[in-house]
Amino acid sequence: MTETVVRTHDLTKSYGRSRGIIGVDLEVRQGEVFGFLGPNGAGKTTTIRLLLDLIRPTSGRAEVFGLDAHRDGLAIRGRVGYLPGELRLYGSLSGKELFSYFGHLRTRPDGADAARIAETLDLDITREVRTLSHGNRQKVGLVQALMGRPELVILDEPTQGLDPFVQQSFYRLLEEVRADGRTVFMSSHVLPEIERTCDRVGIVREGRLLAVESVSDLKTRALRRLELRFGVPVPQDAFAAVPGIRDLTVDGVVVGCSVVGSVDALFKAAVAFELLDVSTTEPTLEEIFLAYYGEASDAAA
């Protein structure tokens, strides 16, 4: 049975008039890369800070490794690697000195591991942090989060400032964490990043968790674009009554539409004509994300 590493129940944080999070129920399993997806201001960072006991909930509770996030915060943080969204570092230290300092704080100094990760990310650890570019400071943050093989790695917008080549190296490091059976909780608003790296995705909007599903299941249930090509022109109203289709276009022998869920009704209608070819476009995570936001907006209207 897979262990639950992160669990929240009705987790709520109110900042008065400002939005926090509302009633978040969430489980993250051991060995998975879990993506927490939403635009800036959706509540991603608030959730992370609650998990690490950096702020306290208004109501509800959070557990990490089965421990209470508040009562056992010190024990939890000793087993977690964390990259904050707003990274602040000691500018007068070199990367190597900084990693040694953090390693001793966590009681797991491992200079060789830090050096290996830094080399993977093409980071010069001999330079003082204050002399580094934004992208290279982000690399420093990633090294300190990943070094020492923490059981849980929490990353808040991890690839901001990284060039595409370094991003690929970072993705390989995440694969190493997954292969070790360790866990990653990663917030992002970068859709291709989540699609590339994550096993499951939590979609958050305005402080509320809209869905938690695997990327593959999200795609299966999402809107797909189809084009059907026939041997003879098709009447304009031939598919107008088919349930589950949207954006229908009929142009002679070509019918285009979007389909939510099963295509069975569409194909049953299509066999009345000489169907020559069908092409479909797999939805991107961006299309899925926008579909969820649209559904939430429709429900609120």
C-alpha atoms as a PDB file:
ATOM      1  CA  MET A   1       0.000   0.000   0.000  1.00  0.00           C
ATOM      2  CA  THR A   2       1.413   3.385  -1.024  1.00  0.00           C
ATOM      3  CA  GLU A   3       2.086   5.703   1.893  1.00  0.00           C
ATOM      4  CA  THR A   4       0.483   9.127   1.964  1.00  0.00           C
ATOM      5  CA  VAL A   5       3.235  11.715   2.439  1.00  0.00           C
ATOM      6  CA  VAL A   6       1.077  14.868   2.468  1.00  0.00           C
ATOM      7  CA  ARG A   7      -2.524  15.033   3.642  1.00  0.00           C
ATOM      8  CA  THR A   8      -4.711  18.065   4.275  1.00  0.00           C
ATOM      9  CA  HIS A   9      -8.267  18.169   5.577  1.00  0.00           C
ATOM     10  CA  ASP A  10     -10.477  21.211   5.067  1.00  0.00           C
ATOM     11  CA  LEU A  11      -7.326  23.341   5.117  1.00  0.00           C
ATOM     12  CA  THR A  12      -8.241  27.019   5.134  1.00  0.00           C
ATOM     13  CA  LYS A  13      -6.207  30.186   5.439  1.00  0.00           C
ATOM     14  CA  SER A  14      -7.896  33.581   5.435  1.00  0.00           C
ATOM     15  CA  TYR A  15      -6.059  36.860   5.059  1.00  0.00           C
ATOM     16  CA  GLY A  16      -9.151  38.953   5.663  1.00  0.00           C
ATOM     17  CA  ARG A  17     -10.129  40.538   2.383  1.00  0.00           C
ATOM     18  CA  SER A  18      -7.204  38.948   0.566  1.00  0.00           C
ATOM     19  CA  ARG A  19      -7.600  35.441  -0.814  1.00  0.00           C
ATOM     20  CA  GLY A  20      -5.874  32.504   0.834  1.00  0.00           C
ATOM     21  CA  ILE A  21      -7.143  28.929   0.457  1.00  0.00           C
ATOM     22  CA  ILE A  22     -10.546  27.469   1.277  1.00  0.00           C
ATOM     23  CA  GLY A  23     -11.321  23.911   2.373  1.00  0.00           C
ATOM     24  CA  VAL A  24      -8.434  22.165   0.592  1.00  0.00           C
ATOM     25  CA  ASP A  25      -8.518  18.345   0.885  1.00  0.00           C
ATOM     26  CA  LEU A  26      -5.393  16.882  -0.654  1.00  0.00           C
ATOM     27  CA  GLU A  27      -3.293  13.706  -0.605  1.00  0.00           C
ATOM     28  CA  VAL A  28       0.170  13.287  -2.103  1.00  0.00           C
ATOM     29  CA  ARG A  29       1.542   9.752  -2.339  1.00  0.00           C
ATOM     30  CA  GLN A  30       5.033   8.477  -1.720  1.00  0.00           C
ATOM     31  CA  GLY A  31       7.176   8.261  -4.846  1.00  0.00           C
ATOM     32  CA  GLU A  32       5.123  10.557  -7.075  1.00  0.00           C
ATOM     33  CA  VAL A  33       5.788  13.931  -8.615  1.00  0.00           C
ATOM     34  CA  PHE A  34       2.694  15.935  -7.796  1.00  0.00           C
ATOM     35  CA  GLY A  35       1.981  19.148  -9.660  1.00  0.00           C
ATOM     36  CA  PHE A  36       0.053  21.969  -7.998  1.00  0.00           C
ATOM     37  CA  LEU A  37      -1.169  23.984 -10.936  1.00  0.00           C
ATOM     38  CA  GLY A  38      -2.729  27.408 -10.980  1.00  0.00           C
ATOM     39  CA  PRO A  39      -2.102  31.035 -11.922  1.00  0.00           C
ATOM     40  CA  ASN A  40      -0.294  33.461  -9.660  1.00  0.00           C
ATOM     41  CA  GLY A  41      -2.466  34.258  -6.652  1.00  0.00           C
ATOM     42  CA  ALA A  42      -4.433  31.007  -6.777  1.00  0.00           C
ATOM     43  CA  GLY A  43      -3.211  29.809  -3.357  1.00  0.00           C
ATOM     44  CA  LYS A  44      -0.264  27.589  -4.249  1.00  0.00           C
ATOM     45  CA  THR A  45       2.349  29.314  -2.088  1.00  0.00           C
ATOM     46  CA  THR A  46      -0.072  29.651   0.824  1.00  0.00           C
ATOM     47  CA  THR A  47      -0.631  25.884   0.776  1.00  0.00           C
ATOM     48  CA  ILE A  48       3.109  25.200   0.765  1.00  0.00           C
ATOM     49  CA  ARG A  49       3.749  27.567   3.665  1.00  0.00           C
ATOM     50  CA  LEU A  50       1.022  25.860   5.674  1.00  0.00           C
ATOM     51  CA  LEU A  51       2.584  22.447   5.038  1.00  0.00           C
ATOM     52  CA  LEU A  52       5.923  23.731   6.356  1.00  0.00           C
ATOM     53  CA  ASP A  53       4.363  25.558   9.348  1.00  0.00           C
ATOM     54  CA  LEU A  54       5.693  28.878   8.081  1.00  0.00           C
ATOM     55  CA  ILE A  55       2.166  30.213   8.565  1.00  0.00           C
ATOM     56  CA  ARG A  56      -0.740  28.805  10.574  1.00  0.00           C
ATOM     57  CA  PRO A  57      -4.149  27.780   9.209  1.00  0.00           C
ATOM     58  CA  THR A  58      -7.354  29.594  10.024  1.00  0.00           C
ATOM     59  CA  SER A  59      -9.018  26.183  10.220  1.00  0.00           C
ATOM     60  CA  GLY A  60      -8.456  22.603   9.106  1.00  0.00           C
ATOM     61  CA  ARG A  61      -5.230  20.665   9.419  1.00  0.00           C
ATOM     62  CA  ALA A  62      -2.193  19.486   7.461  1.00  0.00           C
ATOM     63  CA  GLU A  63      -0.063  16.379   7.940  1.00  0.00           C
ATOM     64  CA  VAL A  64       3.317  15.517   6.442  1.00  0.00           C
ATOM     65  CA  PHE A  65       4.701  11.973   6.922  1.00  0.00           C
ATOM     66  CA  GLY A  66       1.692  11.384   9.173  1.00  0.00           C
ATOM     67  CA  LEU A  67       2.900  14.146  11.516  1.00  0.00           C
ATOM     68  CA  ASP A  68       1.011  17.299  12.413  1.00  0.00           C
ATOM     69  CA  ALA A  69       2.429  20.178  10.374  1.00  0.00           C
ATOM     70  CA  HIS A  70       2.341  22.558  13.351  1.00  0.00           C
ATOM     71  CA  ARG A  71       3.082  20.372  16.358  1.00  0.00           C
ATOM     72  CA  ASP A  72       5.812  18.382  14.589  1.00  0.00           C
ATOM     73  CA  GLY A  73       7.065  21.123  12.273  1.00  0.00           C
ATOM     74  CA  LEU A  74      10.729  20.821  13.292  1.00  0.00           C
ATOM     75  CA  ALA A  75      10.823  17.066  12.688  1.00  0.00           C
ATOM     76  CA  ILE A  76       9.093  17.476   9.337  1.00  0.00           C
ATOM     77  CA  ARG A  77      11.444  20.183   8.070  1.00  0.00           C
ATOM     78  CA  GLY A  78      14.414  17.946   8.836  1.00  0.00           C
ATOM     79  CA  ARG A  79      13.128  15.506   6.203  1.00  0.00           C
ATOM     80  CA  VAL A  80      12.139  18.042   3.552  1.00  0.00           C
ATOM     81  CA  GLY A  81      14.017  19.958   0.874  1.00  0.00           C
ATOM     82  CA  TYR A  82      12.356  23.276   0.049  1.00  0.00           C
ATOM     83  CA  LEU A  83      12.733  25.864  -2.693  1.00  0.00           C
ATOM     84  CA  PRO A  84      10.655  28.980  -1.935  1.00  0.00           C
ATOM     85  CA  GLY A  85       9.138  31.047  -4.693  1.00  0.00           C
ATOM     86  CA  GLU A  86      10.920  34.144  -3.413  1.00  0.00           C
ATOM     87  CA  LEU A  87      14.463  32.946  -2.811  1.00  0.00           C
ATOM     88  CA  ARG A  88      16.718  34.865  -0.428  1.00  0.00           C
ATOM     89  CA  LEU A  89      20.299  33.737   0.160  1.00  0.00           C
ATOM     90  CA  TYR A  90      23.409  34.881   2.012  1.00  0.00           C
ATOM     91  CA  GLY A  91      25.096  36.898  -0.709  1.00  0.00           C
ATOM     92  CA  SER A  92      28.569  36.935   0.828  1.00  0.00           C
ATOM     93  CA  LEU A  93      28.863  33.120   0.822  1.00  0.00           C
ATOM     94  CA  SER A  94      29.912  31.022  -2.117  1.00  0.00           C
ATOM     95  CA  GLY A  95      27.630  28.259  -3.305  1.00  0.00           C
ATOM     96  CA  LYS A  96      29.918  25.671  -1.722  1.00  0.00           C
ATOM     97  CA  GLU A  97      29.907  27.475   1.641  1.00  0.00           C
ATOM     98  CA  LEU A  98      26.153  27.871   1.503  1.00  0.00           C
ATOM     99  CA  PHE A  99      25.585  24.173   0.809  1.00  0.00           C
ATOM    100  CA  SER A 100      27.876  23.235   3.695  1.00  0.00           C
ATOM    101  CA  TYR A 101      25.936  25.566   6.000  1.00  0.00           C
ATOM    102  CA  PHE A 102      22.545  24.174   4.977  1.00  0.00           C
ATOM    103  CA  GLY A 103      23.827  20.613   5.155  1.00  0.00           C
ATOM    104  CA  HIS A 104      24.909  21.015   8.767  1.00  0.00           C
ATOM    105  CA  LEU A 105      21.625  22.715   9.659  1.00  0.00           C
ATOM    106  CA  ARG A 106      19.782  19.672   8.380  1.00  0.00           C
ATOM    107  CA  THR A 107      22.266  17.285  10.044  1.00  0.00           C
ATOM    108  CA  ARG A 108      22.964  15.650   6.698  1.00  0.00           C
ATOM    109  CA  PRO A 109      26.022  17.394   5.223  1.00  0.00           C
ATOM    110  CA  ASP A 110      26.855  15.893   1.836  1.00  0.00           C
ATOM    111  CA  GLY A 111      29.186  18.095  -0.140  1.00  0.00           C
ATOM    112  CA  ALA A 112      29.685  15.476  -2.830  1.00  0.00           C
ATOM    113  CA  ASP A 113      25.944  15.270  -3.517  1.00  0.00           C
ATOM    114  CA  ALA A 114      25.625  19.052  -3.677  1.00  0.00           C
ATOM    115  CA  ALA A 115      28.586  19.241  -6.051  1.00  0.00           C
ATOM    116  CA  ARG A 116      27.077  16.567  -8.291  1.00  0.00           C
ATOM    117  CA  ILE A 117      23.739  18.366  -8.534  1.00  0.00           C
ATOM    118  CA  ALA A 118      25.485  21.690  -9.152  1.00  0.00           C
ATOM    119  CA  GLU A 119      27.487  20.126 -11.978  1.00  0.00           C
ATOM    120  CA  THR A 120      24.280  18.738 -13.500  1.00  0.00           C
ATOM    121  CA  LEU A 121      22.816  22.250 -13.461  1.00  0.00           C
ATOM    122  CA  ASP A 122      26.069  23.819 -14.740  1.00  0.00           C
ATOM    123  CA  LEU A 123      26.513  25.936 -11.604  1.00  0.00           C
ATOM    124  CA  ASP A 124      29.872  27.357 -10.498  1.00  0.00           C
ATOM    125  CA  ILE A 125      29.804  26.828  -6.711  1.00  0.00           C
ATOM    126  CA  THR A 126      33.024  28.824  -6.082  1.00  0.00           C
ATOM    127  CA  ARG A 127      31.439  32.208  -6.819  1.00  0.00           C
ATOM    128  CA  GLU A 128      29.787  34.384  -4.184  1.00  0.00           C
ATOM    129  CA  VAL A 129      26.014  34.257  -4.439  1.00  0.00           C
ATOM    130  CA  ARG A 130      25.709  38.036  -4.790  1.00  0.00           C
ATOM    131  CA  THR A 131      27.710  37.910  -8.038  1.00  0.00           C
ATOM    132  CA  LEU A 132      25.332  35.417  -9.663  1.00  0.00           C
ATOM    133  CA  SER A 133      22.601  36.109 -12.186  1.00  0.00           C
ATOM    134  CA  HIS A 134      18.965  35.439 -11.306  1.00  0.00           C
ATOM    135  CA  GLY A 135      19.064  32.125 -13.161  1.00  0.00           C
ATOM    136  CA  ASN A 136      22.201  30.980 -11.364  1.00  0.00           C
ATOM    137  CA  ARG A 137      20.759  31.969  -7.971  1.00  0.00           C
ATOM    138  CA  GLN A 138      17.766  29.808  -8.858  1.00  0.00           C
ATOM    139  CA  LYS A 139      20.186  26.941  -9.481  1.00  0.00           C
ATOM    140  CA  VAL A 140      21.642  27.498  -5.999  1.00  0.00           C
ATOM    141  CA  GLY A 141      18.133  27.228  -4.591  1.00  0.00           C
ATOM    142  CA  LEU A 142      17.511  23.987  -6.467  1.00  0.00           C
ATOM    143  CA  VAL A 143      20.772  22.446  -5.265  1.00  0.00           C
ATOM    144  CA  GLN A 144      20.036  23.216  -1.605  1.00  0.00           C
ATOM    145  CA  ALA A 145      16.516  21.778  -1.993  1.00  0.00           C
ATOM    146  CA  LEU A 146      17.656  18.551  -3.656  1.00  0.00           C
ATOM    147  CA  MET A 147      20.944  17.856  -1.857  1.00  0.00           C
ATOM    148  CA  GLY A 148      21.107  15.222   0.871  1.00  0.00           C
ATOM    149  CA  ARG A 149      18.312  13.099  -0.612  1.00  0.00           C
ATOM    150  CA  PRO A 150      15.336  14.560   1.311  1.00  0.00           C
ATOM    151  CA  GLU A 151      12.292  12.296   1.525  1.00  0.00           C
ATOM    152  CA  LEU A 152      10.017  15.087   0.289  1.00  0.00           C
ATOM    153  CA  VAL A 153      11.058  17.874  -2.071  1.00  0.00           C
ATOM    154  CA  ILE A 154       8.765  20.930  -2.124  1.00  0.00           C
ATOM    155  CA  LEU A 155       9.396  23.292  -5.026  1.00  0.00           C
ATOM    156  CA  ASP A 156       7.584  26.591  -5.528  1.00  0.00           C
ATOM    157  CA  GLU A 157       7.861  27.684  -9.193  1.00  0.00           C
ATOM    158  CA  PRO A 158      11.201  25.863  -9.613  1.00  0.00           C
ATOM    159  CA  THR A 159      12.168  26.755 -13.187  1.00  0.00           C
ATOM    160  CA  GLN A 160      11.694  30.522 -13.109  1.00  0.00           C
ATOM    161  CA  GLY A 161      14.791  32.130 -14.591  1.00  0.00           C
ATOM    162  CA  LEU A 162      16.240  28.870 -15.953  1.00  0.00           C
ATOM    163  CA  ASP A 163      17.103  28.574 -19.623  1.00  0.00           C
ATOM    164  CA  PRO A 164      15.616  25.628 -21.598  1.00  0.00           C
ATOM    165  CA  PHE A 165      18.802  23.544 -21.460  1.00  0.00           C
ATOM    166  CA  VAL A 166      19.027  23.825 -17.675  1.00  0.00           C
ATOM    167  CA  GLN A 167      15.327  23.015 -17.404  1.00  0.00           C
ATOM    168  CA  GLN A 168      15.986  19.697 -19.116  1.00  0.00           C
ATOM    169  CA  SER A 169      18.737  18.953 -16.579  1.00  0.00           C
ATOM    170  CA  PHE A 170      16.330  19.819 -13.770  1.00  0.00           C
ATOM    171  CA  TYR A 171      13.740  17.403 -15.182  1.00  0.00           C
ATOM    172  CA  ARG A 172      16.355  14.630 -15.134  1.00  0.00           C
ATOM    173  CA  LEU A 173      17.014  15.374 -11.465  1.00  0.00           C
ATOM    174  CA  LEU A 174      13.300  15.015 -10.738  1.00  0.00           C
ATOM    175  CA  GLU A 175      13.370  11.623 -12.451  1.00  0.00           C
ATOM    176  CA  GLU A 176      16.158  10.600 -10.063  1.00  0.00           C
ATOM    177  CA  VAL A 177      14.041  11.593  -7.070  1.00  0.00           C
ATOM    178  CA  ARG A 178      11.088   9.598  -8.395  1.00  0.00           C
ATOM    179  CA  ALA A 179      13.296   6.582  -9.165  1.00  0.00           C
ATOM    180  CA  ASP A 180      14.532   6.645  -5.543  1.00  0.00           C
ATOM    181  CA  GLY A 181      10.943   6.365  -4.311  1.00  0.00           C
ATOM    182  CA  ARG A 182      11.045   9.869  -2.886  1.00  0.00           C
ATOM    183  CA  THR A 183       8.303  12.448  -3.367  1.00  0.00           C
ATOM    184  CA  VAL A 184       8.053  15.836  -5.089  1.00  0.00           C
ATOM    185  CA  PHE A 185       5.371  18.472  -4.501  1.00  0.00           C
ATOM    186  CA  MET A 186       5.817  21.141  -7.145  1.00  0.00           C
ATOM    187  CA  SER A 187       3.778  24.276  -7.677  1.00  0.00           C
ATOM    188  CA  SER A 188       3.764  25.876 -11.099  1.00  0.00           C
ATOM    189  CA  HIS A 189       1.781  27.937 -13.550  1.00  0.00           C
ATOM    190  CA  VAL A 190       3.910  26.628 -16.449  1.00  0.00           C
ATOM    191  CA  LEU A 191       1.682  24.058 -18.144  1.00  0.00           C
ATOM    192  CA  PRO A 192       4.266  22.201 -20.293  1.00  0.00           C
ATOM    193  CA  GLU A 193       6.431  21.790 -17.195  1.00  0.00           C
ATOM    194  CA  ILE A 194       3.656  20.029 -15.280  1.00  0.00           C
ATOM    195  CA  GLU A 195       2.800  17.898 -18.312  1.00  0.00           C
ATOM    196  CA  ARG A 196       6.440  16.909 -18.745  1.00  0.00           C
ATOM    197  CA  THR A 197       7.216  15.964 -15.148  1.00  0.00           C
ATOM    198  CA  CYS A 198       4.150  15.108 -13.050  1.00  0.00           C
ATOM    199  CA  ASP A 199       2.239  11.919 -12.292  1.00  0.00           C
ATOM    200  CA  ARG A 200      -0.812  13.710 -10.915  1.00  0.00           C
ATOM    201  CA  VAL A 201      -2.016  17.273 -10.977  1.00  0.00           C
ATOM    202  CA  GLY A 202      -4.043  19.367  -8.575  1.00  0.00           C
ATOM    203  CA  ILE A 203      -5.756  22.302 -10.273  1.00  0.00           C
ATOM    204  CA  VAL A 204      -6.348  25.255  -7.965  1.00  0.00           C
ATOM    205  CA  ARG A 205      -8.314  28.404  -8.640  1.00  0.00           C
ATOM    206  CA  GLU A 206      -9.080  31.313  -6.318  1.00  0.00           C
ATOM    207  CA  GLY A 207      -8.014  29.289  -3.291  1.00  0.00           C
ATOM    208  CA  ARG A 208     -10.153  26.247  -4.074  1.00  0.00           C
ATOM    209  CA  LEU A 209      -8.973  22.878  -5.330  1.00  0.00           C
ATOM    210  CA  LEU A 210     -10.976  22.134  -8.482  1.00  0.00           C
ATOM    211  CA  ALA A 211      -9.613  18.690  -9.338  1.00  0.00           C
ATOM    212  CA  VAL A 212      -6.890  16.158  -8.561  1.00  0.00           C
ATOM    213  CA  GLU A 213      -6.243  13.644 -11.314  1.00  0.00           C
ATOM    214  CA  SER A 214      -3.512  11.977 -13.308  1.00  0.00           C
ATOM    215  CA  VAL A 215      -2.384  13.842 -16.394  1.00  0.00           C
ATOM    216  CA  SER A 216      -3.514  10.922 -18.563  1.00  0.00           C
ATOM    217  CA  ASP A 217      -7.014  10.868 -17.020  1.00  0.00           C
ATOM    218  CA  LEU A 218      -7.370  14.594 -17.453  1.00  0.00           C
ATOM    219  CA  LYS A 219      -6.563  14.238 -21.121  1.00  0.00           C
ATOM    220  CA  THR A 220      -8.963  11.326 -21.562  1.00  0.00           C
ATOM    221  CA  ARG A 221     -11.881  13.345 -20.207  1.00  0.00           C
ATOM    222  CA  ALA A 222     -10.947  16.605 -21.825  1.00  0.00           C
ATOM    223  CA  LEU A 223     -12.127  18.370 -24.922  1.00  0.00           C
ATOM    224  CA  ARG A 224     -10.719  16.872 -28.147  1.00  0.00           C
ATOM    225  CA  ARG A 225     -10.778  18.356 -31.622  1.00  0.00           C
ATOM    226  CA  LEU A 226     -11.816  15.987 -34.441  1.00  0.00           C
ATOM    227  CA  GLU A 227     -11.989  16.339 -38.202  1.00  0.00           C
ATOM    228  CA  LEU A 228     -14.064  13.878 -40.254  1.00  0.00           C
ATOM    229  CA  ARG A 229     -13.661  13.649 -44.016  1.00  0.00           C
ATOM    230  CA  PHE A 230     -16.450  12.097 -46.129  1.00  0.00           C
ATOM    231  CA  GLY A 231     -16.734  10.854 -49.698  1.00  0.00           C
ATOM    232  CA  VAL A 232     -19.776  13.048 -50.417  1.00  0.00           C
ATOM    233  CA  PRO A 233     -20.876  16.470 -49.118  1.00  0.00           C
ATOM    234  CA  VAL A 234     -22.629  16.304 -45.758  1.00  0.00           C
ATOM    235  CA  PRO A 235     -25.867  18.236 -45.002  1.00  0.00           C
ATOM    236  CA  GLN A 236     -25.354  21.254 -42.762  1.00  0.00           C
ATOM    237  CA  ASP A 237     -27.657  19.896 -40.061  1.00  0.00           C
ATOM    238  CA  ALA A 238     -26.434  16.274 -40.121  1.00  0.00           C
ATOM    239  CA  PHE A 239     -24.599  16.528 -36.768  1.00  0.00           C
ATOM    240  CA  ALA A 240     -26.404  19.433 -35.132  1.00  0.00           C
ATOM    241  CA  ALA A 241     -28.301  17.198 -32.675  1.00  0.00           C
ATOM    242  CA  VAL A 242     -25.354  14.979 -31.657  1.00  0.00           C
ATOM    243  CA  PRO A 243     -24.827  15.265 -27.868  1.00  0.00           C
ATOM    244  CA  GLY A 244     -21.457  16.269 -26.449  1.00  0.00           C
ATOM    245  CA  ILE A 245     -20.072  18.154 -29.456  1.00  0.00           C
ATOM    246  CA  ARG A 246     -19.079  21.808 -29.643  1.00  0.00           C
ATOM    247  CA  ASP A 247     -17.770  24.241 -32.245  1.00  0.00           C
ATOM    248  CA  LEU A 248     -19.335  22.288 -35.109  1.00  0.00           C
ATOM    249  CA  THR A 249     -18.338  23.272 -38.642  1.00  0.00           C
ATOM    250  CA  VAL A 250     -19.581  21.634 -41.865  1.00  0.00           C
ATOM    251  CA  ASP A 251     -17.719  22.523 -45.069  1.00  0.00           C
ATOM    252  CA  GLY A 252     -18.756  20.209 -47.884  1.00  0.00           C
ATOM    253  CA  VAL A 253     -17.044  16.876 -47.254  1.00  0.00           C
ATOM    254  CA  VAL A 254     -15.251  18.016 -44.081  1.00  0.00           C
ATOM    255  CA  VAL A 255     -16.842  18.170 -40.635  1.00  0.00           C
ATOM    256  CA  GLY A 256     -14.935  19.632 -37.696  1.00  0.00           C
ATOM    257  CA  CYS A 257     -15.967  19.644 -34.063  1.00  0.00           C
ATOM    258  CA  SER A 258     -14.809  19.391 -30.467  1.00  0.00           C
ATOM    259  CA  VAL A 259     -15.985  16.453 -28.353  1.00  0.00           C
ATOM    260  CA  VAL A 260     -16.192  16.094 -24.587  1.00  0.00           C
ATOM    261  CA  GLY A 261     -15.864  12.504 -23.386  1.00  0.00           C
ATOM    262  CA  SER A 262     -17.099   9.622 -25.589  1.00  0.00           C
ATOM    263  CA  VAL A 263     -17.120   9.939 -29.389  1.00  0.00           C
ATOM    264  CA  ASP A 264     -19.630   7.089 -29.744  1.00  0.00           C
ATOM    265  CA  ALA A 265     -22.642   9.275 -30.627  1.00  0.00           C
ATOM    266  CA  LEU A 266     -20.618  11.215 -33.182  1.00  0.00           C
ATOM    267  CA  PHE A 267     -19.400   8.077 -34.967  1.00  0.00           C
ATOM    268  CA  LYS A 268     -22.886   6.544 -34.981  1.00  0.00           C
ATOM    269  CA  ALA A 269     -24.123   9.645 -36.785  1.00  0.00           C
ATOM    270  CA  ALA A 270     -21.129   9.573 -39.158  1.00  0.00           C
ATOM    271  CA  VAL A 271     -21.780   6.011 -40.441  1.00  0.00           C
ATOM    272  CA  ALA A 272     -24.877   7.279 -42.249  1.00  0.00           C
ATOM    273  CA  PHE A 273     -22.459   8.818 -44.744  1.00  0.00           C
ATOM    274  CA  GLU A 274     -19.359   7.619 -46.607  1.00  0.00           C
ATOM    275  CA  LEU A 275     -16.715   8.254 -43.953  1.00  0.00           C
ATOM    276  CA  LEU A 276     -13.197   8.231 -45.441  1.00  0.00           C
ATOM    277  CA  ASP A 277     -10.938   9.515 -42.691  1.00  0.00           C
ATOM    278  CA  VAL A 278     -10.873  10.742 -39.081  1.00  0.00           C
ATOM    279  CA  SER A 279      -8.131  12.822 -37.493  1.00  0.00           C
ATOM    280  CA  THR A 280      -7.962  13.932 -33.877  1.00  0.00           C
ATOM    281  CA  THR A 281      -5.799  16.340 -31.919  1.00  0.00           C
ATOM    282  CA  GLU A 282      -4.807  15.312 -28.407  1.00  0.00           C
ATOM    283  CA  PRO A 283      -5.554  18.112 -25.952  1.00  0.00           C
ATOM    284  CA  THR A 284      -2.665  19.903 -24.315  1.00  0.00           C
ATOM    285  CA  LEU A 285      -2.661  20.456 -20.581  1.00  0.00           C
ATOM    286  CA  GLU A 286      -3.260  24.131 -21.336  1.00  0.00           C
ATOM    287  CA  GLU A 287      -6.543  23.291 -23.097  1.00  0.00           C
ATOM    288  CA  ILE A 288      -7.553  21.087 -20.176  1.00  0.00           C
ATOM    289  CA  PHE A 289      -6.665  23.796 -17.688  1.00  0.00           C
ATOM    290  CA  LEU A 290      -8.672  26.406 -19.558  1.00  0.00           C
ATOM    291  CA  ALA A 291     -11.602  23.984 -19.813  1.00  0.00           C
ATOM    292  CA  TYR A 292     -11.617  23.575 -16.014  1.00  0.00           C
ATOM    293  CA  TYR A 293     -11.471  27.306 -15.513  1.00  0.00           C
ATOM    294  CA  GLY A 294     -14.313  27.759 -17.976  1.00  0.00           C
ATOM    295  CA  GLU A 295     -16.434  25.180 -16.167  1.00  0.00           C
ATOM    296  CA  ALA A 296     -15.787  26.898 -12.836  1.00  0.00           C
ATOM    297  CA  SER A 297     -16.697  30.274 -14.285  1.00  0.00           C
ATOM    298  CA  ASP A 298     -19.904  28.852 -15.819  1.00  0.00           C
ATOM    299  CA  ALA A 299     -20.883  27.309 -12.486  1.00  0.00           C
ATOM    300  CA  ALA A 300     -20.325  30.601 -10.677  1.00  0.00           C
ATOM    301  CA  ALA A 301     -22.359  32.587 -13.214  1.00  0.00           C
END
